[in-house]
Protein backbone atom coordinates (compact mmCIF):
# COMPACT_ATOMS: atom_id res chain seq x y z
CA MET A 1 11.01 8.82 6.58
CA ALA A 2 10.25 5.40 7.98
CA TYR A 3 6.90 3.74 7.33
CA GLN A 4 4.36 4.81 9.98
CA SER A 5 0.83 3.69 10.64
CA ILE A 6 -0.91 6.69 12.28
CA ASN A 7 -4.64 6.59 12.86
CA PRO A 8 -5.95 9.83 11.28
CA ASN A 9 -9.07 9.67 13.44
CA ASP A 10 -7.07 10.53 16.55
CA GLY A 11 -3.51 11.19 15.37
CA LYS A 12 -2.03 8.31 17.43
CA LEU A 13 0.91 6.25 16.20
CA VAL A 14 -0.13 2.60 15.83
CA MET A 15 3.02 1.03 14.45
CA SER A 16 6.22 1.95 12.60
CA PHE A 17 8.52 0.02 10.34
CA GLU A 18 12.13 0.57 9.30
CA HIS A 19 13.30 0.63 5.68
CA LEU A 20 14.80 -2.54 4.25
CA SER A 21 18.54 -2.83 4.45
CA SER A 22 20.54 -2.96 1.24
CA ALA A 23 21.04 -6.68 1.78
CA GLN A 24 17.29 -7.29 2.29
CA LEU A 25 16.47 -5.33 -0.86
CA GLU A 26 18.98 -7.36 -2.85
CA THR A 27 17.44 -10.56 -1.59
CA ALA A 28 14.00 -9.35 -2.70
CA LEU A 29 15.32 -8.49 -6.16
CA ALA A 30 17.08 -11.81 -6.47
CA ASP A 31 14.02 -13.76 -5.32
CA ALA A 32 11.81 -11.93 -7.83
CA ASP A 33 14.25 -12.51 -10.65
CA SER A 34 14.50 -16.21 -9.79
CA CYS A 35 10.72 -16.60 -9.45
CA SER A 36 10.14 -14.88 -12.78
CA ARG A 37 11.93 -17.66 -14.64
CA THR A 38 9.49 -20.26 -13.40
CA TRP A 39 6.36 -18.16 -12.97
CA LYS A 40 6.28 -17.29 -16.66
CA THR A 41 6.07 -21.02 -17.52
CA THR A 42 3.22 -21.81 -15.11
CA THR A 43 -0.14 -22.43 -16.74
CA PHE A 44 -2.97 -19.94 -16.70
CA ALA A 45 -4.95 -22.46 -14.68
CA ASP A 46 -2.28 -22.65 -11.96
CA ARG A 47 -1.96 -18.88 -11.76
CA ALA A 48 -5.75 -18.53 -11.68
CA ALA A 49 -6.07 -20.98 -8.80
CA ILE A 50 -3.82 -18.73 -6.68
CA LEU A 51 -5.71 -15.57 -7.55
CA LYS A 52 -9.08 -17.26 -6.98
CA LYS A 53 -7.88 -18.35 -3.57
CA ALA A 54 -6.71 -14.81 -2.76
CA ALA A 55 -10.10 -13.41 -3.83
CA SER A 56 -11.85 -15.94 -1.62
CA LEU A 57 -9.65 -15.05 1.38
CA LEU A 58 -10.38 -11.32 0.83
CA ARG A 59 -14.11 -11.98 0.97
CA THR A 60 -13.83 -14.32 3.97
CA HIS A 61 -11.80 -11.78 5.94
CA VAL A 62 -13.31 -8.61 4.52
CA ASP A 63 -13.74 -7.00 7.92
CA ASP A 64 -10.12 -7.63 8.92
CA PHE A 65 -8.78 -6.01 5.76
CA ALA A 66 -11.30 -3.19 5.89
CA ARG A 67 -10.37 -2.31 9.47
CA LEU A 68 -6.70 -1.98 8.47
CA ALA A 69 -7.59 0.50 5.75
CA THR A 70 -9.81 2.51 8.09
CA GLN A 71 -7.20 2.51 10.82
CA GLU A 72 -4.35 3.57 8.55
CA MET A 73 -5.87 6.11 6.18
CA GLY A 74 -9.28 6.93 7.57
CA LYS A 75 -11.58 5.43 4.97
CA ARG A 76 -15.09 5.03 6.33
CA ILE A 77 -15.63 1.36 7.22
CA ALA A 78 -18.45 0.73 4.73
CA GLU A 79 -16.31 2.15 1.92
CA ALA A 80 -13.37 0.07 3.10
CA ARG A 81 -15.44 -3.11 2.90
CA GLY A 82 -16.53 -2.07 -0.59
CA GLU A 83 -12.88 -1.63 -1.62
CA VAL A 84 -11.92 -5.06 -0.31
CA ASN A 85 -14.76 -6.74 -2.14
CA PHE A 86 -13.96 -4.84 -5.37
CA SER A 87 -10.33 -5.98 -5.01
CA ALA A 88 -11.54 -9.57 -4.87
CA ASP A 89 -13.65 -8.95 -7.96
CA ILE A 90 -10.58 -7.76 -9.84
CA LEU A 91 -8.56 -10.85 -8.93
CA ASP A 92 -11.46 -13.11 -9.97
CA TYR A 93 -11.89 -11.17 -13.22
CA TYR A 94 -8.35 -11.69 -14.40
CA ALA A 95 -8.27 -15.28 -13.19
CA ASP A 96 -11.33 -15.88 -15.42
CA HIS A 97 -10.31 -13.83 -18.49
CA ALA A 98 -6.50 -13.59 -18.73
CA GLU A 99 -6.03 -16.60 -20.95
CA SER A 100 -8.49 -15.35 -23.57
CA PHE A 101 -7.13 -11.81 -23.36
CA LEU A 102 -3.62 -13.10 -24.13
CA ALA A 103 -4.51 -15.76 -26.62
CA PRO A 104 -2.62 -15.69 -29.94
CA VAL A 105 -4.24 -13.38 -32.54
CA LYS A 106 -4.27 -14.62 -36.10
CA LEU A 107 -3.18 -12.25 -38.81
CA ASN A 108 -3.69 -12.43 -42.54
CA PRO A 109 -0.55 -11.65 -44.51
CA LYS A 110 -0.59 -11.80 -48.32
CA VAL A 111 1.58 -14.88 -48.24
CA GLY A 112 1.87 -17.62 -45.61
CA GLU A 113 0.57 -17.48 -42.05
CA ALA A 114 1.19 -15.16 -39.11
CA HIS A 115 0.03 -14.51 -35.59
CA MET A 116 0.76 -12.30 -32.61
CA GLU A 117 1.58 -13.98 -29.33
CA SER A 118 1.96 -12.51 -25.84
CA SER A 119 4.68 -13.17 -23.29
CA PRO A 120 5.44 -11.50 -19.94
CA PHE A 121 8.15 -8.90 -19.52
CA GLY A 122 9.41 -10.43 -16.26
CA VAL A 123 9.96 -8.42 -13.03
CA LEU A 124 7.84 -5.24 -12.67
CA PHE A 125 8.28 -2.46 -10.12
CA CYS A 126 5.00 -0.90 -8.98
CA ILE A 127 4.74 2.28 -6.86
CA GLU A 128 1.28 2.62 -5.34
CA PRO A 129 -0.61 5.28 -3.31
CA TRP A 130 -2.44 5.24 0.01
CA ASN A 131 -5.95 6.30 -1.00
CA PHE A 132 -7.09 2.81 -2.00
CA PRO A 133 -4.60 0.64 -0.17
CA PHE A 134 -5.93 -2.70 -1.46
CA TYR A 135 -7.65 -1.81 -4.75
CA GLN A 136 -4.49 -0.13 -6.08
CA LEU A 137 -2.56 -3.34 -5.38
CA ALA A 138 -5.22 -5.66 -6.80
CA ARG A 139 -5.40 -3.77 -10.10
CA VAL A 140 -1.72 -4.38 -10.79
CA ALA A 141 -1.46 -7.80 -9.16
CA GLY A 142 -4.52 -9.28 -10.87
CA PRO A 143 -3.57 -8.62 -14.49
CA GLN A 144 0.22 -8.80 -14.18
CA LEU A 145 0.45 -11.98 -12.14
CA MET A 146 -1.97 -13.64 -14.57
CA ALA A 147 0.14 -12.40 -17.48
CA GLY A 148 3.14 -14.20 -16.03
CA ASN A 149 4.95 -11.18 -14.62
CA VAL A 150 6.13 -10.92 -11.01
CA LEU A 151 5.87 -7.78 -8.89
CA LEU A 152 7.98 -5.77 -6.52
CA VAL A 153 5.74 -3.19 -4.90
CA LYS A 154 6.54 0.02 -2.99
CA HIS A 155 3.37 1.10 -1.25
CA ALA A 156 2.78 4.48 0.40
CA ALA A 157 4.60 5.14 3.68
CA CYS A 158 1.37 5.71 5.63
CA VAL A 159 -0.26 2.32 4.90
CA PRO A 160 2.45 -0.25 5.79
CA GLN A 161 0.06 -2.65 7.52
CA CYS A 162 -2.21 -2.80 4.42
CA ALA A 163 0.84 -3.36 2.23
CA ILE A 164 2.17 -6.22 4.39
CA ALA A 165 -1.32 -7.76 4.65
CA PHE A 166 -1.74 -7.87 0.88
CA GLU A 167 1.64 -9.57 0.38
CA GLN A 168 0.67 -12.11 3.08
CA LEU A 169 -2.68 -12.64 1.35
CA LEU A 170 -0.99 -13.81 -1.84
CA ARG A 171 1.44 -15.99 0.11
CA ASP A 172 -1.50 -17.57 1.95
CA ALA A 173 -3.16 -18.16 -1.41
CA GLY A 174 -0.14 -20.12 -2.62
CA ALA A 175 1.95 -17.60 -4.52
CA PRO A 176 5.63 -18.60 -4.59
CA VAL A 177 8.30 -16.49 -2.92
CA GLY A 178 9.20 -13.68 -5.32
CA ALA A 179 5.92 -13.57 -7.19
CA TYR A 180 4.65 -10.60 -5.19
CA THR A 181 6.99 -8.76 -2.78
CA ASN A 182 6.22 -5.71 -0.69
CA LEU A 183 9.22 -3.38 -0.34
CA LEU A 184 9.44 -1.06 2.64
CA ILE A 185 12.02 1.16 0.95
CA SER A 186 13.08 4.83 0.77
CA HIS A 187 12.85 7.06 -2.28
CA ALA A 188 16.58 6.65 -2.88
CA GLN A 189 16.19 2.87 -2.75
CA SER A 190 13.21 3.18 -5.13
CA ASP A 191 15.47 4.90 -7.64
CA GLN A 192 17.92 2.05 -7.32
CA VAL A 193 15.16 -0.44 -8.09
CA VAL A 194 14.10 1.43 -11.21
CA ASP A 195 17.74 1.38 -12.36
CA ASP A 196 18.27 -2.28 -11.63
CA PRO A 197 18.62 -4.29 -14.90
CA ARG A 198 16.41 -7.06 -13.48
CA ILE A 199 13.40 -4.68 -13.52
CA LYS A 200 11.71 -4.76 -16.93
CA GLY A 201 8.79 -2.34 -16.44
CA VAL A 202 7.59 0.34 -14.02
CA ALA A 203 4.02 1.27 -13.02
CA LEU A 204 3.14 4.22 -10.80
CA THR A 205 -0.05 5.63 -9.41
CA GLY A 206 0.54 8.92 -7.60
CA SER A 207 1.16 12.59 -7.97
CA VAL A 208 2.21 14.45 -11.08
CA ALA A 209 5.60 15.24 -9.49
CA ALA A 210 6.21 11.60 -8.64
CA GLY A 211 5.12 10.58 -12.13
CA ARG A 212 7.54 13.00 -13.79
CA SER A 213 10.41 11.78 -11.67
CA VAL A 214 9.78 8.03 -12.01
CA ALA A 215 8.82 8.20 -15.69
CA ALA A 216 12.02 10.11 -16.46
CA ARG A 217 14.12 7.59 -14.61
CA ALA A 218 12.38 4.67 -16.34
CA GLY A 219 12.85 6.38 -19.68
CA LYS A 220 16.54 6.90 -19.04
CA ASN A 221 16.74 3.16 -18.53
CA LEU A 222 14.62 2.48 -21.66
CA LYS A 223 12.00 0.72 -19.54
CA LYS A 224 8.32 0.68 -20.39
CA SER A 225 6.21 2.55 -17.83
CA SER A 226 2.58 3.34 -17.13
CA MET A 227 1.47 6.34 -15.11
CA GLU A 228 -1.84 7.02 -13.39
CA LEU A 229 -1.51 10.47 -11.88
CA GLY A 230 -3.82 13.18 -10.63
CA GLY A 231 -7.12 14.51 -11.88
CA SER A 232 -9.40 17.49 -11.71
CA ASP A 233 -12.55 15.96 -13.15
CA ALA A 234 -15.33 18.12 -14.44
CA PHE A 235 -18.89 17.47 -13.28
CA ILE A 236 -20.93 19.13 -16.03
CA VAL A 237 -24.55 19.87 -15.21
CA LEU A 238 -26.67 20.89 -18.23
CA GLU A 239 -29.91 22.83 -17.94
CA ASP A 240 -32.05 19.73 -18.50
CA ALA A 241 -30.42 17.63 -15.75
CA ASP A 242 -32.61 15.80 -13.28
CA LEU A 243 -31.40 17.34 -10.02
CA ALA A 244 -33.08 14.68 -7.90
CA LYS A 245 -30.62 12.17 -9.39
CA THR A 246 -27.72 14.56 -10.06
CA VAL A 247 -27.28 16.07 -6.60
CA PRO A 248 -26.80 12.74 -4.76
CA TRP A 249 -24.18 11.78 -7.31
CA ALA A 250 -22.53 15.17 -6.84
CA VAL A 251 -22.22 14.52 -3.10
CA TRP A 252 -20.90 11.00 -3.67
CA GLY A 253 -18.56 12.15 -6.45
CA ARG A 254 -16.95 14.78 -4.31
CA MET A 255 -17.07 13.12 -0.89
CA TYR A 256 -16.45 9.41 -1.59
CA ASN A 257 -13.28 8.37 0.18
CA GLY A 258 -13.18 11.77 1.85
CA GLY A 259 -12.71 13.40 -1.57
CA GLN A 260 -9.34 11.68 -1.84
CA THR A 261 -9.87 10.00 -5.23
CA CYS A 262 -7.97 10.75 -8.46
CA CYS A 263 -11.19 10.54 -10.51
CA ALA A 264 -13.41 12.33 -7.99
CA ALA A 265 -15.73 15.09 -9.17
CA LYS A 266 -13.72 18.24 -8.40
CA ARG A 267 -14.81 21.02 -10.77
CA PHE A 268 -18.56 21.50 -10.76
CA ILE A 269 -19.45 23.28 -14.03
CA VAL A 270 -23.12 24.21 -14.11
CA VAL A 271 -25.13 25.95 -16.79
CA GLU A 272 -26.34 29.33 -15.46
CA SER A 273 -30.08 28.65 -15.80
CA ILE A 274 -29.91 25.77 -13.33
CA ALA A 275 -26.90 26.88 -11.23
CA ASP A 276 -28.79 28.47 -8.34
CA ALA A 277 -31.08 25.46 -7.89
CA PHE A 278 -28.21 22.99 -8.10
CA LEU A 279 -26.00 24.95 -5.70
CA ALA A 280 -28.80 25.32 -3.13
CA GLN A 281 -29.54 21.60 -3.13
CA PHE A 282 -25.85 20.60 -3.23
CA THR A 283 -24.96 22.88 -0.32
CA ALA A 284 -27.86 21.59 1.74
CA ALA A 285 -26.87 17.98 1.09
CA LEU A 286 -23.23 18.60 1.97
CA SER A 287 -24.30 20.39 5.16
CA MET A 288 -26.01 17.22 6.32
CA LEU A 289 -22.73 15.25 6.48
CA LYS A 290 -21.51 14.58 9.99
CA ALA A 291 -17.88 14.13 11.01
CA GLY A 292 -17.09 11.16 13.19
CA ASP A 293 -15.05 8.00 13.77
CA PRO A 294 -14.71 6.24 10.40
CA MET A 295 -15.09 2.92 12.20
CA ASP A 296 -18.66 3.97 13.13
CA ALA A 297 -21.09 2.97 10.37
CA ALA A 298 -23.16 6.09 11.12
CA THR A 299 -20.32 8.47 10.25
CA THR A 300 -20.80 10.27 6.94
CA HIS A 301 -17.66 12.47 6.98
CA GLY A 302 -14.35 10.84 7.86
CA PRO A 303 -10.86 12.27 8.35
CA LEU A 304 -8.25 12.95 5.72
CA SER A 305 -5.47 10.37 5.42
CA THR A 306 -2.79 12.28 7.30
CA GLU A 307 -2.20 15.54 9.16
CA GLY A 308 0.07 16.62 6.30
CA ALA A 309 -2.74 16.12 3.78
CA LEU A 310 -5.07 18.27 5.94
CA LEU A 311 -2.57 21.11 6.29
CA GLN A 312 -1.84 21.12 2.56
CA LEU A 313 -5.53 21.27 1.70
CA ILE A 314 -6.14 24.17 4.13
CA ALA A 315 -3.17 26.01 2.63
CA GLN A 316 -4.63 25.51 -0.88
CA VAL A 317 -8.02 26.90 0.22
CA ASP A 318 -6.39 29.89 1.93
CA SER A 319 -4.38 30.60 -1.23
CA ALA A 320 -7.51 30.38 -3.40
CA VAL A 321 -9.29 32.93 -1.18
CA ALA A 322 -6.24 35.19 -1.13
CA HIS A 323 -6.35 35.21 -4.93
CA GLY A 324 -9.98 36.25 -5.10
CA ALA A 325 -12.08 33.11 -4.71
CA LYS A 326 -15.15 33.29 -2.50
CA LEU A 327 -15.62 30.83 0.34
CA LEU A 328 -19.26 29.73 0.33
CA MET A 329 -18.85 27.24 3.15
CA GLY A 330 -16.15 25.48 5.18
CA GLY A 331 -12.47 26.14 4.62
CA LYS A 332 -11.10 25.14 8.05
CA ARG A 333 -10.21 22.07 10.02
CA ILE A 334 -12.94 20.63 12.20
CA ASP A 335 -12.47 21.30 15.93
CA ARG A 336 -12.04 17.73 17.12
CA PRO A 337 -9.21 15.20 17.42
CA GLY A 338 -7.86 13.82 14.15
CA SER A 339 -7.25 15.22 10.68
CA PHE A 340 -10.73 16.44 9.76
CA MET A 341 -11.48 19.10 7.16
CA GLN A 342 -14.75 20.98 6.85
CA THR A 343 -16.69 20.37 3.66
CA THR A 344 -15.77 23.40 1.56
CA ILE A 345 -17.20 25.20 -1.48
CA LEU A 346 -15.17 27.76 -3.48
CA THR A 347 -16.82 29.99 -6.07
CA ASP A 348 -15.66 32.84 -8.33
CA ILE A 349 -12.39 31.12 -9.18
CA ALA A 350 -10.71 33.21 -11.88
CA PRO A 351 -8.25 31.70 -14.42
CA GLY A 352 -5.30 33.43 -12.71
CA ASN A 353 -6.12 31.85 -9.34
CA PRO A 354 -3.90 28.84 -8.48
CA ALA A 355 -7.14 27.02 -7.57
CA PHE A 356 -8.20 27.18 -11.23
CA ARG A 357 -5.60 24.57 -12.14
CA ASP A 358 -4.72 22.88 -8.87
CA GLU A 359 -6.10 19.51 -7.79
CA PHE A 360 -7.89 19.56 -4.40
CA PHE A 361 -7.44 16.13 -2.86
CA GLY A 362 -10.11 16.27 -0.24
CA PRO A 363 -13.61 17.61 0.51
CA VAL A 364 -13.26 20.88 -1.46
CA VAL A 365 -15.72 21.83 -4.23
CA SER A 366 -14.69 24.20 -7.02
CA PHE A 367 -17.95 25.66 -8.40
CA PHE A 368 -18.23 27.37 -11.81
CA ARG A 369 -21.20 28.96 -13.61
CA VAL A 370 -21.19 28.88 -17.42
CA GLU A 371 -23.52 30.26 -20.06
CA ASP A 372 -24.19 27.14 -22.06
CA GLU A 373 -23.07 23.66 -23.16
CA ASP A 374 -20.22 24.95 -25.34
CA ALA A 375 -18.86 27.05 -22.50
CA ALA A 376 -19.06 24.06 -20.14
CA ILE A 377 -17.04 21.91 -22.53
CA ALA A 378 -14.47 24.68 -23.05
CA LEU A 379 -14.00 25.08 -19.30
CA ALA A 380 -13.86 21.33 -18.75
CA ASN A 381 -11.03 21.11 -21.32
CA ASP A 382 -9.14 24.08 -19.86
CA SER A 383 -7.25 21.84 -17.48
CA ASP A 384 -3.80 20.37 -17.24
CA PHE A 385 -5.45 17.10 -16.21
CA GLY A 386 -7.44 14.64 -18.27
CA LEU A 387 -8.43 11.67 -16.16
CA GLY A 388 -12.22 11.51 -15.99
CA GLY A 389 -15.38 13.57 -16.03
CA SER A 390 -19.16 13.37 -16.18
CA VAL A 391 -22.10 15.08 -17.81
CA TRP A 392 -25.65 15.26 -16.45
CA THR A 393 -28.61 15.61 -18.80
CA LYS A 394 -31.94 13.90 -19.48
CA ASP A 395 -30.96 13.66 -23.18
CA GLU A 396 -28.53 10.70 -23.41
CA ALA A 397 -27.68 11.42 -27.03
CA ARG A 398 -26.70 14.91 -26.00
CA GLY A 399 -24.67 13.45 -23.15
CA ARG A 400 -22.76 11.23 -25.53
CA ARG A 401 -22.01 14.24 -27.79
CA VAL A 402 -20.67 16.19 -24.84
CA ALA A 403 -18.67 13.22 -23.60
CA SER A 404 -16.97 12.88 -26.98
CA ARG A 405 -15.87 16.53 -26.87
CA VAL A 406 -14.27 16.46 -23.40
CA ASP A 407 -10.54 15.64 -23.47
CA THR A 408 -10.19 12.91 -20.85
CA GLY A 409 -9.47 9.22 -20.57
CA MET A 410 -12.90 8.50 -19.16
CA MET A 411 -16.35 10.16 -19.34
CA PHE A 412 -19.55 9.13 -17.56
CA ILE A 413 -23.08 10.08 -18.50
CA ASN A 414 -25.51 10.41 -15.58
CA ASN A 415 -23.24 8.37 -13.30
CA ILE A 416 -19.66 8.24 -12.04
CA ASP A 417 -19.44 4.46 -11.58
CA TRP A 418 -15.91 3.42 -12.52
CA THR A 419 -15.96 0.41 -10.13
CA ASP A 420 -16.07 -2.35 -12.74
CA ALA A 421 -13.09 -4.63 -13.41
CA GLU A 422 -14.04 -4.79 -17.09
CA LEU A 423 -13.71 -1.01 -17.62
CA PRO A 424 -10.21 0.35 -18.54
CA PHE A 425 -9.02 3.09 -16.17
CA GLY A 426 -6.60 5.85 -17.07
CA GLY A 427 -6.11 9.33 -18.49
CA ILE A 428 -4.25 11.77 -20.72
CA LYS A 429 -2.29 15.00 -20.31
CA ASP A 430 -0.90 15.40 -16.75
CA SER A 431 -3.17 12.53 -15.62
CA GLY A 432 -0.66 10.12 -17.13
CA TYR A 433 -0.64 7.39 -19.76
CA GLY A 434 -1.45 3.71 -20.03
CA ARG A 435 -4.51 1.86 -18.81
CA GLU A 436 -5.34 -0.44 -15.93
CA LEU A 437 -8.24 -2.92 -15.67
CA GLY A 438 -10.24 -4.39 -18.54
CA ASN A 439 -8.57 -6.11 -21.49
CA MET A 440 -6.22 -3.13 -21.90
CA GLY A 441 -4.82 -3.43 -18.39
CA ILE A 442 -3.25 -6.80 -18.97
CA GLN A 443 -1.62 -5.69 -22.23
CA GLU A 444 0.62 -3.01 -20.69
CA PHE A 445 3.60 -5.19 -19.80
CA VAL A 446 3.52 -8.08 -22.25
CA ASN A 447 5.66 -8.54 -25.35
CA LYS A 448 3.58 -8.66 -28.49
CA LYS A 449 5.60 -10.97 -30.70
CA LEU A 450 4.94 -11.40 -34.41
CA VAL A 451 5.47 -14.96 -35.68
CA ARG A 452 5.25 -15.45 -39.44
CA THR A 453 5.54 -18.64 -41.47
CA ALA A 454 5.96 -18.31 -45.23
CA HIS A 455 7.64 -20.21 -48.07
CA LEU A 456 9.29 -17.39 -49.93
CA ASP A 457 12.38 -17.07 -52.04
CA ALA A 458 14.88 -14.46 -50.95
CA PRO A 459 14.76 -11.19 -52.88
CA VAL A 460 17.42 -10.86 -55.58
């Protein structure tokens, strides 16, 4: 399928793009390989100047970038502006900290001296999703460009204008040809890129199926990979939670970005003694959301990214009900133009129901009642995913104990605020491996070389 920009608010085709030819793809690979040889020798200061300029351009033109995201994947305009600004923060963060993150580390052998030093892998291939069309790019571009790597990026087929705009942003900021290249390529061409010997590492953010396929291909080529895949995060509400603070976070956690976030709150696990009160307030708050044009600042419920995403979500809800789940609210598309889904709550989801393990990538709540804290933790851990999660309690020490017992890459106590460039992002189990952002994010694709100096006689 060619790359198409279709406005999910009205279903109209805005623009389409053809795949690169084989010759164009080879030129992109050759340019990246050539750039890599010089980019790795540039100073941190020179790299930082380019990323700082890019961050400044993002902030200066925040509305232009935000409108592209809203037009292509339906993100509400205020959220789109927030994403653009956070992307700028990430670029600034690595421009400021990369050199210290990658500084030589002194070791203390019994004899002589030793240190670890870091050097870039070279050309990386990054496959990125549509749900955060600029943030997903910034969180690979920031750390990896500052580490001295260069990037070839295959973005999602439904956000080609965002993909092209981000490449142009870095060019406008002074990045040389080959440092960051957007590839409008097919899945078959993507496989060719993974196989190409000039590619030294592969990063993917996407579905579990895509992760399995790309990770297997990278592994066959003995190439390092990182995978950020799906999630079915637990939102654990204990009996002592402050509902006045918890319910607004529940709404945000499920409905931010139209519910189309890997680390969104998806499974609401509530202790029985507070379940009725929580559900009543949560349902009332969700019912207040109003569908509308995501370009309108007053809209509180935007469309899903594509018509295909909407149809898949409806089919998942129908399957859940067919297998015994109860539909408390919603479950259908909204009767208006565009790819809009009703806010939906499913209850009574038994372990044999596909909905018990599936990820719902949209405004669908899976609600569970549990007897106590131990039952909440057990249910939270009974998942194929392990990306994030949260726990809500007035007792922070208790919250930390619960957080330590939940098997995920990230846990949040009385918040779900992952939007900080300093905080590593990633998961375990079917949610993938590796980390992005923070100090850990820049370490994924650098060679950690041991250098030892010692005056020793050879063993006899």
